[in-house]
Amino acid sequence: MSGLKILVVEDSFLVALDLSDELTDAGCDVVGPAPSVKQALEQIDGVELDGAVLDVNLHGERSFPLAEHLATRDVPFVFLTGYDSSTIFPEQFRDSPRLSKPVETRQLIEAVSRFGERKH
């Protein structure tokens, strides 16, 4: 996972800090964290990403437009969600990888390590 550029989008400052620290400790180069879709788009403009960790609910805003943007760039992502129901997910993201909050470090690292496997 060393050197993977991973975008973190999370609106809770402390959770964002934890995610960033866990990914940095695992050798990733963290982009962000960004608390909104708009800020995430600004931070990734011109940046080559290897993957992204997206909180679904960002202060009432959904991260799905960002997921669509990443998908068009062939950037893999995993959703973080406190929702059990898949019905809040648009059809194209129903089968996307997701982790339930609070996420365990091991699960986060496993999910992100799959992004690196795509590079090889």
PDB file of N, CA and C in Angstrom:
ATOM      1  N   MET A   1       0.827  -1.207   0.000  1.00  0.00           N
ATOM      2  CA  MET A   1       0.000   0.000   0.000  1.00  0.00           C
ATOM      3  C   MET A   1       0.857   1.251   0.000  1.00  0.00           C
ATOM      4  N   SER A   2       2.146   1.056   0.059  1.00  0.00           N
ATOM      5  CA  SER A   2       3.050   2.186   0.126  1.00  0.00           C
ATOM      6  C   SER A   2       2.902   3.081  -1.098  1.00  0.00           C
ATOM      7  N   GLY A   3       2.652   4.348  -0.840  1.00  0.00           N
ATOM      8  CA  GLY A   3       2.580   5.328  -1.908  1.00  0.00           C
ATOM      9  C   GLY A   3       1.238   5.450  -2.603  1.00  0.00           C
ATOM     10  N   LEU A   4       0.235   4.665  -2.193  1.00  0.00           N
ATOM     11  CA  LEU A   4      -1.086   4.809  -2.809  1.00  0.00           C
ATOM     12  C   LEU A   4      -1.672   6.167  -2.437  1.00  0.00           C
ATOM     13  N   LYS A   5      -2.170   6.891  -3.443  1.00  0.00           N
ATOM     14  CA  LYS A   5      -2.818   8.184  -3.199  1.00  0.00           C
ATOM     15  C   LYS A   5      -4.306   7.941  -2.972  1.00  0.00           C
ATOM     16  N   ILE A   6      -4.740   8.173  -1.734  1.00  0.00           N
ATOM     17  CA  ILE A   6      -6.121   7.868  -1.354  1.00  0.00           C
ATOM     18  C   ILE A   6      -6.834   9.129  -0.893  1.00  0.00           C
ATOM     19  N   LEU A   7      -7.957   9.426  -1.532  1.00  0.00           N
ATOM     20  CA  LEU A   7      -8.797  10.549  -1.131  1.00  0.00           C
ATOM     21  C   LEU A   7      -9.670  10.123   0.052  1.00  0.00           C
ATOM     22  N   VAL A   8      -9.735  10.965   1.075  1.00  0.00           N
ATOM     23  CA  VAL A   8     -10.624  10.718   2.210  1.00  0.00           C
ATOM     24  C   VAL A   8     -11.666  11.837   2.239  1.00  0.00           C
ATOM     25  N   VAL A   9     -12.946  11.442   2.187  1.00  0.00           N
ATOM     26  CA  VAL A   9     -14.047  12.404   2.250  1.00  0.00           C
ATOM     27  C   VAL A   9     -14.914  12.027   3.447  1.00  0.00           C
ATOM     28  N   GLU A  10     -14.892  12.877   4.455  1.00  0.00           N
ATOM     29  CA  GLU A  10     -15.585  12.605   5.723  1.00  0.00           C
ATOM     30  C   GLU A  10     -15.865  13.939   6.389  1.00  0.00           C
ATOM     31  N   ASP A  11     -17.125  14.151   6.820  1.00  0.00           N
ATOM     32  CA  ASP A  11     -17.493  15.447   7.394  1.00  0.00           C
ATOM     33  C   ASP A  11     -17.239  15.562   8.894  1.00  0.00           C
ATOM     34  N   SER A  12     -17.025  14.454   9.574  1.00  0.00           N
ATOM     35  CA  SER A  12     -16.718  14.504  10.995  1.00  0.00           C
ATOM     36  C   SER A  12     -15.206  14.638  11.145  1.00  0.00           C
ATOM     37  N   PHE A  13     -14.759  15.756  11.708  1.00  0.00           N
ATOM     38  CA  PHE A  13     -13.340  16.061  11.791  1.00  0.00           C
ATOM     39  C   PHE A  13     -12.539  14.952  12.468  1.00  0.00           C
ATOM     40  N   LEU A  14     -13.024  14.464  13.609  1.00  0.00           N
ATOM     41  CA  LEU A  14     -12.278  13.444  14.347  1.00  0.00           C
ATOM     42  C   LEU A  14     -12.217  12.119  13.589  1.00  0.00           C
ATOM     43  N   VAL A  15     -13.314  11.741  12.953  1.00  0.00           N
ATOM     44  CA  VAL A  15     -13.324  10.502  12.158  1.00  0.00           C
ATOM     45  C   VAL A  15     -12.375  10.660  10.970  1.00  0.00           C
ATOM     46  N   ALA A  16     -12.417  11.828  10.329  1.00  0.00           N
ATOM     47  CA  ALA A  16     -11.535  12.092   9.188  1.00  0.00           C
ATOM     48  C   ALA A  16     -10.074  11.992   9.606  1.00  0.00           C
ATOM     49  N   LEU A  17      -9.761  12.535  10.784  1.00  0.00           N
ATOM     50  CA  LEU A  17      -8.403  12.481  11.313  1.00  0.00           C
ATOM     51  C   LEU A  17      -7.973  11.034  11.554  1.00  0.00           C
ATOM     52  N   ASP A  18      -8.850  10.247  12.171  1.00  0.00           N
ATOM     53  CA  ASP A  18      -8.550   8.834  12.426  1.00  0.00           C
ATOM     54  C   ASP A  18      -8.307   8.068  11.121  1.00  0.00           C
ATOM     55  N   LEU A  19      -9.199   8.255  10.151  1.00  0.00           N
ATOM     56  CA  LEU A  19      -9.054   7.563   8.865  1.00  0.00           C
ATOM     57  C   LEU A  19      -7.732   7.942   8.206  1.00  0.00           C
ATOM     58  N   SER A  20      -7.439   9.229   8.207  1.00  0.00           N
ATOM     59  CA  SER A  20      -6.204   9.716   7.584  1.00  0.00           C
ATOM     60  C   SER A  20      -4.976   9.137   8.271  1.00  0.00           C
ATOM     61  N   ASP A  21      -4.993   9.127   9.604  1.00  0.00           N
ATOM     62  CA  ASP A  21      -3.860   8.576  10.365  1.00  0.00           C
ATOM     63  C   ASP A  21      -3.674   7.086  10.079  1.00  0.00           C
ATOM     64  N   GLU A  22      -4.784   6.335  10.050  1.00  0.00           N
ATOM     65  CA  GLU A  22      -4.710   4.896   9.807  1.00  0.00           C
ATOM     66  C   GLU A  22      -4.137   4.608   8.422  1.00  0.00           C
ATOM     67  N   LEU A  23      -4.579   5.380   7.440  1.00  0.00           N
ATOM     68  CA  LEU A  23      -4.093   5.174   6.075  1.00  0.00           C
ATOM     69  C   LEU A  23      -2.638   5.606   5.936  1.00  0.00           C
ATOM     70  N   THR A  24      -2.279   6.712   6.578  1.00  0.00           N
ATOM     71  CA  THR A  24      -0.891   7.182   6.545  1.00  0.00           C
ATOM     72  C   THR A  24       0.024   6.163   7.208  1.00  0.00           C
ATOM     73  N   ASP A  25      -0.410   5.637   8.345  1.00  0.00           N
ATOM     74  CA  ASP A  25       0.381   4.615   9.048  1.00  0.00           C
ATOM     75  C   ASP A  25       0.585   3.368   8.184  1.00  0.00           C
ATOM     76  N   ALA A  26      -0.382   3.095   7.299  1.00  0.00           N
ATOM     77  CA  ALA A  26      -0.286   1.920   6.421  1.00  0.00           C
ATOM     78  C   ALA A  26       0.544   2.216   5.168  1.00  0.00           C
ATOM     79  N   GLY A  27       1.032   3.468   5.067  1.00  0.00           N
ATOM     80  CA  GLY A  27       1.902   3.812   3.947  1.00  0.00           C
ATOM     81  C   GLY A  27       1.246   4.582   2.822  1.00  0.00           C
ATOM     82  N   CYS A  28      -0.031   4.930   2.986  1.00  0.00           N
ATOM     83  CA  CYS A  28      -0.736   5.672   1.938  1.00  0.00           C
ATOM     84  C   CYS A  28      -0.392   7.156   1.984  1.00  0.00           C
ATOM     85  N   ASP A  29      -0.575   7.798   0.852  1.00  0.00           N
ATOM     86  CA  ASP A  29      -0.450   9.243   0.731  1.00  0.00           C
ATOM     87  C   ASP A  29      -1.887   9.767   0.690  1.00  0.00           C
ATOM     88  N   VAL A  30      -2.333  10.378   1.795  1.00  0.00           N
ATOM     89  CA  VAL A  30      -3.738  10.794   1.911  1.00  0.00           C
ATOM     90  C   VAL A  30      -3.956  12.161   1.259  1.00  0.00           C
ATOM     91  N   VAL A  31      -4.997  12.232   0.433  1.00  0.00           N
ATOM     92  CA  VAL A  31      -5.449  13.494  -0.157  1.00  0.00           C
ATOM     93  C   VAL A  31      -6.681  13.894   0.640  1.00  0.00           C
ATOM     94  N   GLY A  32      -6.682  15.117   1.158  1.00  0.00           N
ATOM     95  CA  GLY A  32      -7.771  15.554   2.032  1.00  0.00           C
ATOM     96  C   GLY A  32      -7.308  15.479   3.472  1.00  0.00           C
ATOM     97  N   PRO A  33      -8.196  15.209   4.393  1.00  0.00           N
ATOM     98  CA  PRO A  33      -9.598  14.855   4.172  1.00  0.00           C
ATOM     99  C   PRO A  33     -10.441  16.068   3.788  1.00  0.00           C
ATOM    100  N   ALA A  34     -11.460  15.787   2.992  1.00  0.00           N
ATOM    101  CA  ALA A  34     -12.397  16.817   2.552  1.00  0.00           C
ATOM    102  C   ALA A  34     -13.744  16.583   3.220  1.00  0.00           C
ATOM    103  N   PRO A  35     -14.389  17.647   3.724  1.00  0.00           N
ATOM    104  CA  PRO A  35     -15.673  17.493   4.405  1.00  0.00           C
ATOM    105  C   PRO A  35     -16.894  17.610   3.493  1.00  0.00           C
ATOM    106  N   SER A  36     -16.683  17.885   2.194  1.00  0.00           N
ATOM    107  CA  SER A  36     -17.822  18.047   1.282  1.00  0.00           C
ATOM    108  C   SER A  36     -17.425  17.601  -0.121  1.00  0.00           C
ATOM    109  N   VAL A  37     -18.428  17.380  -0.956  1.00  0.00           N
ATOM    110  CA  VAL A  37     -18.193  17.001  -2.343  1.00  0.00           C
ATOM    111  C   VAL A  37     -17.421  18.114  -3.049  1.00  0.00           C
ATOM    112  N   LYS A  38     -17.840  19.352  -2.850  1.00  0.00           N
ATOM    113  CA  LYS A  38     -17.201  20.498  -3.505  1.00  0.00           C
ATOM    114  C   LYS A  38     -15.717  20.577  -3.149  1.00  0.00           C
ATOM    115  N   GLN A  39     -15.399  20.468  -1.863  1.00  0.00           N
ATOM    116  CA  GLN A  39     -14.000  20.549  -1.453  1.00  0.00           C
ATOM    117  C   GLN A  39     -13.198  19.353  -1.973  1.00  0.00           C
ATOM    118  N   ALA A  40     -13.815  18.199  -1.997  1.00  0.00           N
ATOM    119  CA  ALA A  40     -13.123  17.019  -2.523  1.00  0.00           C
ATOM    120  C   ALA A  40     -12.780  17.223  -3.996  1.00  0.00           C
ATOM    121  N   LEU A  41     -13.740  17.724  -4.770  1.00  0.00           N
ATOM    122  CA  LEU A  41     -13.498  17.963  -6.196  1.00  0.00           C
ATOM    123  C   LEU A  41     -12.370  18.971  -6.398  1.00  0.00           C
ATOM    124  N   GLU A  42     -12.327  19.995  -5.546  1.00  0.00           N
ATOM    125  CA  GLU A  42     -11.258  20.991  -5.634  1.00  0.00           C
ATOM    126  C   GLU A  42      -9.903  20.358  -5.308  1.00  0.00           C
ATOM    127  N   GLN A  43      -9.881  19.493  -4.299  1.00  0.00           N
ATOM    128  CA  GLN A  43      -8.617  18.896  -3.865  1.00  0.00           C
ATOM    129  C   GLN A  43      -8.067  17.858  -4.841  1.00  0.00           C
ATOM    130  N   ILE A  44      -8.939  17.258  -5.642  1.00  0.00           N
ATOM    131  CA  ILE A  44      -8.456  16.216  -6.560  1.00  0.00           C
ATOM    132  C   ILE A  44      -8.268  16.722  -7.979  1.00  0.00           C
ATOM    133  N   ASP A  45      -8.530  17.987  -8.216  1.00  0.00           N
ATOM    134  CA  ASP A  45      -8.365  18.570  -9.547  1.00  0.00           C
ATOM    135  C   ASP A  45      -6.909  18.397  -9.986  1.00  0.00           C
ATOM    136  N   GLY A  46      -6.692  17.633 -11.037  1.00  0.00           N
ATOM    137  CA  GLY A  46      -5.347  17.412 -11.557  1.00  0.00           C
ATOM    138  C   GLY A  46      -4.521  16.397 -10.781  1.00  0.00           C
ATOM    139  N   VAL A  47      -5.136  15.709  -9.801  1.00  0.00           N
ATOM    140  CA  VAL A  47      -4.418  14.735  -8.980  1.00  0.00           C
ATOM    141  C   VAL A  47      -4.752  13.319  -9.452  1.00  0.00           C
ATOM    142  N   GLU A  48      -3.722  12.505  -9.630  1.00  0.00           N
ATOM    143  CA  GLU A  48      -3.918  11.090  -9.968  1.00  0.00           C
ATOM    144  C   GLU A  48      -4.182  10.319  -8.684  1.00  0.00           C
ATOM    145  N   LEU A  49      -5.376   9.784  -8.545  1.00  0.00           N
ATOM    146  CA  LEU A  49      -5.738   9.025  -7.342  1.00  0.00           C
ATOM    147  C   LEU A  49      -5.679   7.525  -7.602  1.00  0.00           C
ATOM    148  N   ASP A  50      -5.367   6.777  -6.543  1.00  0.00           N
ATOM    149  CA  ASP A  50      -5.415   5.318  -6.614  1.00  0.00           C
ATOM    150  C   ASP A  50      -6.712   4.780  -6.020  1.00  0.00           C
ATOM    151  N   GLY A  51      -7.416   5.625  -5.246  1.00  0.00           N
ATOM    152  CA  GLY A  51      -8.659   5.192  -4.630  1.00  0.00           C
ATOM    153  C   GLY A  51      -9.214   6.268  -3.725  1.00  0.00           C
ATOM    154  N   ALA A  52     -10.408   5.994  -3.173  1.00  0.00           N
ATOM    155  CA  ALA A  52     -11.065   6.966  -2.306  1.00  0.00           C
ATOM    156  C   ALA A  52     -11.927   6.262  -1.269  1.00  0.00           C
ATOM    157  N   VAL A  53     -12.017   6.904  -0.105  1.00  0.00           N
ATOM    158  CA  VAL A  53     -12.886   6.464   0.982  1.00  0.00           C
ATOM    159  C   VAL A  53     -13.916   7.575   1.145  1.00  0.00           C
ATOM    160  N   LEU A  54     -15.196   7.244   0.876  1.00  0.00           N
ATOM    161  CA  LEU A  54     -16.251   8.255   0.838  1.00  0.00           C
ATOM    162  C   LEU A  54     -17.314   8.021   1.901  1.00  0.00           C
ATOM    163  N   ASP A  55     -17.457   8.976   2.798  1.00  0.00           N
ATOM    164  CA  ASP A  55     -18.591   8.947   3.713  1.00  0.00           C
ATOM    165  C   ASP A  55     -19.824   9.237   2.866  1.00  0.00           C
ATOM    166  N   VAL A  56     -20.898   8.496   3.064  1.00  0.00           N
ATOM    167  CA  VAL A  56     -22.106   8.672   2.254  1.00  0.00           C
ATOM    168  C   VAL A  56     -22.803   9.985   2.585  1.00  0.00           C
ATOM    169  N   ASN A  57     -22.953  10.279   3.879  1.00  0.00           N
ATOM    170  CA  ASN A  57     -23.705  11.456   4.302  1.00  0.00           C
ATOM    171  C   ASN A  57     -22.753  12.534   4.812  1.00  0.00           C
ATOM    172  N   LEU A  58     -22.666  13.619   4.059  1.00  0.00           N
ATOM    173  CA  LEU A  58     -21.781  14.737   4.405  1.00  0.00           C
ATOM    174  C   LEU A  58     -22.648  15.930   4.797  1.00  0.00           C
ATOM    175  N   HIS A  59     -22.940  16.055   6.077  1.00  0.00           N
ATOM    176  CA  HIS A  59     -23.824  17.125   6.574  1.00  0.00           C
ATOM    177  C   HIS A  59     -25.099  17.224   5.736  1.00  0.00           C
ATOM    178  N   GLY A  60     -25.717  16.071   5.462  1.00  0.00           N
ATOM    179  CA  GLY A  60     -26.970  16.057   4.719  1.00  0.00           C
ATOM    180  C   GLY A  60     -26.797  15.950   3.216  1.00  0.00           C
ATOM    181  N   GLU A  61     -25.600  16.168   2.715  1.00  0.00           N
ATOM    182  CA  GLU A  61     -25.307  16.041   1.291  1.00  0.00           C
ATOM    183  C   GLU A  61     -24.805  14.614   1.050  1.00  0.00           C
ATOM    184  N   ARG A  62     -25.224  13.998  -0.029  1.00  0.00           N
ATOM    185  CA  ARG A  62     -24.758  12.654  -0.360  1.00  0.00           C
ATOM    186  C   ARG A  62     -23.480  12.738  -1.207  1.00  0.00           C
ATOM    187  N   SER A  63     -22.605  11.757  -1.059  1.00  0.00           N
ATOM    188  CA  SER A  63     -21.341  11.759  -1.805  1.00  0.00           C
ATOM    189  C   SER A  63     -21.453  11.079  -3.172  1.00  0.00           C
ATOM    190  N   PHE A  64     -22.660  10.711  -3.599  1.00  0.00           N
ATOM    191  CA  PHE A  64     -22.825   9.979  -4.854  1.00  0.00           C
ATOM    192  C   PHE A  64     -22.343  10.749  -6.092  1.00  0.00           C
ATOM    193  N   PRO A  65     -22.556  12.089  -6.165  1.00  0.00           N
ATOM    194  CA  PRO A  65     -22.008  12.805  -7.333  1.00  0.00           C
ATOM    195  C   PRO A  65     -20.483  12.675  -7.426  1.00  0.00           C
ATOM    196  N   LEU A  66     -19.825  12.669  -6.290  1.00  0.00           N
ATOM    197  CA  LEU A  66     -18.372  12.493  -6.265  1.00  0.00           C
ATOM    198  C   LEU A  66     -18.013  11.080  -6.716  1.00  0.00           C
ATOM    199  N   ALA A  67     -18.779  10.092  -6.259  1.00  0.00           N
ATOM    200  CA  ALA A  67     -18.545   8.706  -6.671  1.00  0.00           C
ATOM    201  C   ALA A  67     -18.693   8.573  -8.187  1.00  0.00           C
ATOM    202  N   GLU A  68     -19.683   9.252  -8.759  1.00  0.00           N
ATOM    203  CA  GLU A  68     -19.875   9.229 -10.216  1.00  0.00           C
ATOM    204  C   GLU A  68     -18.660   9.822 -10.916  1.00  0.00           C
ATOM    205  N   HIS A  69     -18.164  10.946 -10.388  1.00  0.00           N
ATOM    206  CA  HIS A  69     -16.987  11.600 -10.956  1.00  0.00           C
ATOM    207  C   HIS A  69     -15.777  10.659 -10.910  1.00  0.00           C
ATOM    208  N   LEU A  70     -15.581  10.001  -9.776  1.00  0.00           N
ATOM    209  CA  LEU A  70     -14.458   9.074  -9.634  1.00  0.00           C
ATOM    210  C   LEU A  70     -14.605   7.892 -10.589  1.00  0.00           C
ATOM    211  N   ALA A  71     -15.818   7.388 -10.731  1.00  0.00           N
ATOM    212  CA  ALA A  71     -16.062   6.251 -11.622  1.00  0.00           C
ATOM    213  C   ALA A  71     -15.711   6.601 -13.064  1.00  0.00           C
ATOM    214  N   THR A  72     -16.001   7.832 -13.489  1.00  0.00           N
ATOM    215  CA  THR A  72     -15.666   8.228 -14.865  1.00  0.00           C
ATOM    216  C   THR A  72     -14.154   8.313 -15.052  1.00  0.00           C
ATOM    217  N   ARG A  73     -13.428   8.503 -13.962  1.00  0.00           N
ATOM    218  CA  ARG A  73     -11.955   8.543 -14.011  1.00  0.00           C
ATOM    219  C   ARG A  73     -11.345   7.171 -13.698  1.00  0.00           C
ATOM    220  N   ASP A  74     -12.200   6.160 -13.544  1.00  0.00           N
ATOM    221  CA  ASP A  74     -11.769   4.789 -13.230  1.00  0.00           C
ATOM    222  C   ASP A  74     -10.994   4.722 -11.914  1.00  0.00           C
ATOM    223  N   VAL A  75     -11.431   5.529 -10.941  1.00  0.00           N
ATOM    224  CA  VAL A  75     -10.825   5.526  -9.606  1.00  0.00           C
ATOM    225  C   VAL A  75     -11.722   4.691  -8.690  1.00  0.00           C
ATOM    226  N   PRO A  76     -11.191   3.614  -8.104  1.00  0.00           N
ATOM    227  CA  PRO A  76     -12.013   2.793  -7.210  1.00  0.00           C
ATOM    228  C   PRO A  76     -12.281   3.515  -5.892  1.00  0.00           C
ATOM    229  N   PHE A  77     -13.392   3.173  -5.269  1.00  0.00           N
ATOM    230  CA  PHE A  77     -13.749   3.803  -3.998  1.00  0.00           C
ATOM    231  C   PHE A  77     -14.513   2.833  -3.135  1.00  0.00           C
ATOM    232  N   VAL A  78     -14.562   3.169  -1.857  1.00  0.00           N
ATOM    233  CA  VAL A  78     -15.364   2.409  -0.907  1.00  0.00           C
ATOM    234  C   VAL A  78     -16.194   3.424  -0.128  1.00  0.00           C
ATOM    235  N   PHE A  79     -17.453   3.104   0.080  1.00  0.00           N
ATOM    236  CA  PHE A  79     -18.334   3.978   0.865  1.00  0.00           C
ATOM    237  C   PHE A  79     -18.222   3.652   2.346  1.00  0.00           C
ATOM    238  N   LEU A  80     -18.266   4.675   3.175  1.00  0.00           N
ATOM    239  CA  LEU A  80     -18.410   4.516   4.624  1.00  0.00           C
ATOM    240  C   LEU A  80     -19.827   4.934   4.946  1.00  0.00           C
ATOM    241  N   THR A  81     -20.533   4.118   5.685  1.00  0.00           N
ATOM    242  CA  THR A  81     -21.919   4.473   5.956  1.00  0.00           C
ATOM    243  C   THR A  81     -22.409   3.970   7.307  1.00  0.00           C
ATOM    244  N   GLY A  82     -23.292   4.731   7.881  1.00  0.00           N
ATOM    245  CA  GLY A  82     -23.966   4.321   9.097  1.00  0.00           C
ATOM    246  C   GLY A  82     -25.321   3.719   8.764  1.00  0.00           C
ATOM    247  N   TYR A  83     -25.652   3.674   7.469  1.00  0.00           N
ATOM    248  CA  TYR A  83     -26.937   3.145   7.019  1.00  0.00           C
ATOM    249  C   TYR A  83     -26.842   1.662   6.732  1.00  0.00           C
ATOM    250  N   ASP A  84     -27.810   0.901   7.219  1.00  0.00           N
ATOM    251  CA  ASP A  84     -27.859  -0.524   6.920  1.00  0.00           C
ATOM    252  C   ASP A  84     -28.529  -0.792   5.580  1.00  0.00           C
ATOM    253  N   SER A  85     -29.469   0.062   5.236  1.00  0.00           N
ATOM    254  CA  SER A  85     -30.276  -0.164   4.048  1.00  0.00           C
ATOM    255  C   SER A  85     -29.531   0.236   2.774  1.00  0.00           C
ATOM    256  N   SER A  86     -29.605  -0.621   1.772  1.00  0.00           N
ATOM    257  CA  SER A  86     -28.972  -0.282   0.495  1.00  0.00           C
ATOM    258  C   SER A  86     -29.900   0.585  -0.354  1.00  0.00           C
ATOM    259  N   THR A  87     -31.136   0.815   0.108  1.00  0.00           N
ATOM    260  CA  THR A  87     -32.088   1.574  -0.694  1.00  0.00           C
ATOM    261  C   THR A  87     -31.701   3.050  -0.825  1.00  0.00           C
ATOM    262  N   ILE A  88     -30.847   3.565   0.066  1.00  0.00           N
ATOM    263  CA  ILE A  88     -30.423   4.957  -0.085  1.00  0.00           C
ATOM    264  C   ILE A  88     -29.388   5.095  -1.205  1.00  0.00           C
ATOM    265  N   PHE A  89     -28.835   3.965  -1.659  1.00  0.00           N
ATOM    266  CA  PHE A  89     -27.829   4.000  -2.712  1.00  0.00           C
ATOM    267  C   PHE A  89     -28.491   4.007  -4.082  1.00  0.00           C
ATOM    268  N   PRO A  90     -28.054   4.903  -4.979  1.00  0.00           N
ATOM    269  CA  PRO A  90     -28.570   4.848  -6.357  1.00  0.00           C
ATOM    270  C   PRO A  90     -28.224   3.497  -6.976  1.00  0.00           C
ATOM    271  N   GLU A  91     -28.994   3.110  -7.953  1.00  0.00           N
ATOM    272  CA  GLU A  91     -28.852   1.793  -8.590  1.00  0.00           C
ATOM    273  C   GLU A  91     -27.406   1.462  -8.959  1.00  0.00           C
ATOM    274  N   GLN A  92     -26.687   2.416  -9.554  1.00  0.00           N
ATOM    275  CA  GLN A  92     -25.330   2.104 -10.028  1.00  0.00           C
ATOM    276  C   GLN A  92     -24.339   1.851  -8.898  1.00  0.00           C
ATOM    277  N   PHE A  93     -24.696   2.216  -7.656  1.00  0.00           N
ATOM    278  CA  PHE A  93     -23.780   2.020  -6.534  1.00  0.00           C
ATOM    279  C   PHE A  93     -24.246   0.966  -5.533  1.00  0.00           C
ATOM    280  N   ARG A  94     -25.326   0.251  -5.859  1.00  0.00           N
ATOM    281  CA  ARG A  94     -25.858  -0.746  -4.922  1.00  0.00           C
ATOM    282  C   ARG A  94     -24.860  -1.859  -4.621  1.00  0.00           C
ATOM    283  N   ASP A  95     -24.007  -2.176  -5.604  1.00  0.00           N
ATOM    284  CA  ASP A  95     -23.035  -3.254  -5.418  1.00  0.00           C
ATOM    285  C   ASP A  95     -21.634  -2.740  -5.106  1.00  0.00           C
ATOM    286  N   SER A  96     -21.506  -1.440  -4.899  1.00  0.00           N
ATOM    287  CA  SER A  96     -20.193  -0.868  -4.578  1.00  0.00           C
ATOM    288  C   SER A  96     -19.750  -1.327  -3.192  1.00  0.00           C
ATOM    289  N   PRO A  97     -18.435  -1.460  -3.007  1.00  0.00           N
ATOM    290  CA  PRO A  97     -17.957  -1.848  -1.685  1.00  0.00           C
ATOM    291  C   PRO A  97     -18.310  -0.803  -0.643  1.00  0.00           C
ATOM    292  N   ARG A  98     -18.690  -1.269   0.538  1.00  0.00           N
ATOM    293  CA  ARG A  98     -19.001  -0.328   1.619  1.00  0.00           C
ATOM    294  C   ARG A  98     -18.582  -0.910   2.943  1.00  0.00           C
ATOM    295  N   LEU A  99     -18.249  -0.012   3.833  1.00  0.00           N
ATOM    296  CA  LEU A  99     -17.862  -0.360   5.198  1.00  0.00           C
ATOM    297  C   LEU A  99     -18.825   0.332   6.146  1.00  0.00           C
ATOM    298  N   SER A 100     -19.220  -0.364   7.191  1.00  0.00           N
ATOM    299  CA  SER A 100     -20.126   0.220   8.182  1.00  0.00           C
ATOM    300  C   SER A 100     -19.333   1.008   9.214  1.00  0.00           C
ATOM    301  N   LYS A 101     -19.906   2.139   9.598  1.00  0.00           N
ATOM    302  CA  LYS A 101     -19.300   2.948  10.660  1.00  0.00           C
ATOM    303  C   LYS A 101     -19.776   2.428  12.006  1.00  0.00           C
ATOM    304  N   PRO A 102     -18.972   2.458  13.039  1.00  0.00           N
ATOM    305  CA  PRO A 102     -17.557   2.838  12.985  1.00  0.00           C
ATOM    306  C   PRO A 102     -16.747   1.733  12.333  1.00  0.00           C
ATOM    307  N   VAL A 103     -15.807   2.130  11.497  1.00  0.00           N
ATOM    308  CA  VAL A 103     -15.018   1.154  10.742  1.00  0.00           C
ATOM    309  C   VAL A 103     -13.779   0.756  11.544  1.00  0.00           C
ATOM    310  N   GLU A 104     -13.483  -0.539  11.508  1.00  0.00           N
ATOM    311  CA  GLU A 104     -12.279  -1.039  12.173  1.00  0.00           C
ATOM    312  C   GLU A 104     -11.092  -0.822  11.247  1.00  0.00           C
ATOM    313  N   THR A 105      -9.945  -0.527  11.829  1.00  0.00           N
ATOM    314  CA  THR A 105      -8.735  -0.268  11.045  1.00  0.00           C
ATOM    315  C   THR A 105      -8.449  -1.403  10.072  1.00  0.00           C
ATOM    316  N   ARG A 106      -8.551  -2.637  10.547  1.00  0.00           N
ATOM    317  CA  ARG A 106      -8.253  -3.800   9.701  1.00  0.00           C
ATOM    318  C   ARG A 106      -9.140  -3.816   8.453  1.00  0.00           C
ATOM    319  N   GLN A 107     -10.434  -3.544   8.637  1.00  0.00           N
ATOM    320  CA  GLN A 107     -11.364  -3.547   7.503  1.00  0.00           C
ATOM    321  C   GLN A 107     -11.024  -2.426   6.516  1.00  0.00           C
ATOM    322  N   LEU A 108     -10.690  -1.261   7.047  1.00  0.00           N
ATOM    323  CA  LEU A 108     -10.328  -0.127   6.201  1.00  0.00           C
ATOM    324  C   LEU A 108      -9.093  -0.461   5.366  1.00  0.00           C
ATOM    325  N   ILE A 109      -8.075  -0.986   6.022  1.00  0.00           N
ATOM    326  CA  ILE A 109      -6.823  -1.304   5.336  1.00  0.00           C
ATOM    327  C   ILE A 109      -7.044  -2.399   4.288  1.00  0.00           C
ATOM    328  N   GLU A 110      -7.848  -3.406   4.616  1.00  0.00           N
ATOM    329  CA  GLU A 110      -8.157  -4.465   3.644  1.00  0.00           C
ATOM    330  C   GLU A 110      -8.834  -3.885   2.408  1.00  0.00           C
ATOM    331  N   ALA A 111      -9.821  -3.019   2.626  1.00  0.00           N
ATOM    332  CA  ALA A 111     -10.564  -2.424   1.508  1.00  0.00           C
ATOM    333  C   ALA A 111      -9.649  -1.577   0.629  1.00  0.00           C
ATOM    334  N   VAL A 112      -8.818  -0.758   1.253  1.00  0.00           N
ATOM    335  CA  VAL A 112      -7.932   0.134   0.500  1.00  0.00           C
ATOM    336  C   VAL A 112      -6.817  -0.651  -0.193  1.00  0.00           C
ATOM    337  N   SER A 113      -6.372  -1.744   0.410  1.00  0.00           N
ATOM    338  CA  SER A 113      -5.302  -2.545  -0.216  1.00  0.00           C
ATOM    339  C   SER A 113      -5.768  -3.109  -1.557  1.00  0.00           C
ATOM    340  N   ARG A 114      -7.060  -3.314  -1.719  1.00  0.00           N
ATOM    341  CA  ARG A 114      -7.595  -3.813  -2.997  1.00  0.00           C
ATOM    342  C   ARG A 114      -7.385  -2.786  -4.117  1.00  0.00           C
ATOM    343  N   PHE A 115      -7.366  -1.500  -3.765  1.00  0.00           N
ATOM    344  CA  PHE A 115      -7.111  -0.466  -4.776  1.00  0.00           C
ATOM    345  C   PHE A 115      -5.723  -0.662  -5.368  1.00  0.00           C
ATOM    346  N   GLY A 116      -4.755  -0.992  -4.511  1.00  0.00           N
ATOM    347  CA  GLY A 116      -3.385  -1.207  -4.967  1.00  0.00           C
ATOM    348  C   GLY A 116      -3.258  -2.422  -5.878  1.00  0.00           C
ATOM    349  N   GLU A 117      -4.079  -3.430  -5.637  1.00  0.00           N
ATOM    350  CA  GLU A 117      -4.048  -4.644  -6.462  1.00  0.00           C
ATOM    351  C   GLU A 117      -4.455  -4.339  -7.899  1.00  0.00           C
ATOM    352  N   ARG A 118      -5.278  -3.320  -8.068  1.00  0.00           N
ATOM    353  CA  ARG A 118      -5.725  -2.954  -9.418  1.00  0.00           C
ATOM    354  C   ARG A 118      -4.589  -2.371 -10.244  1.00  0.00           C
ATOM    355  N   LYS A 119      -3.578  -1.821  -9.566  1.00  0.00           N
ATOM    356  CA  LYS A 119      -2.468  -1.185 -10.292  1.00  0.00           C
ATOM    357  C   LYS A 119      -1.533  -2.198 -10.922  1.00  0.00           C
ATOM    358  N   HIS A 120      -1.545  -3.420 -10.401  1.00  0.00           N
ATOM    359  CA  HIS A 120      -0.559  -4.406 -10.838  1.00  0.00           C
ATOM    360  C   HIS A 120      -1.139  -5.366 -11.850  1.00  0.00           C
TER     361      HIS A 120
END
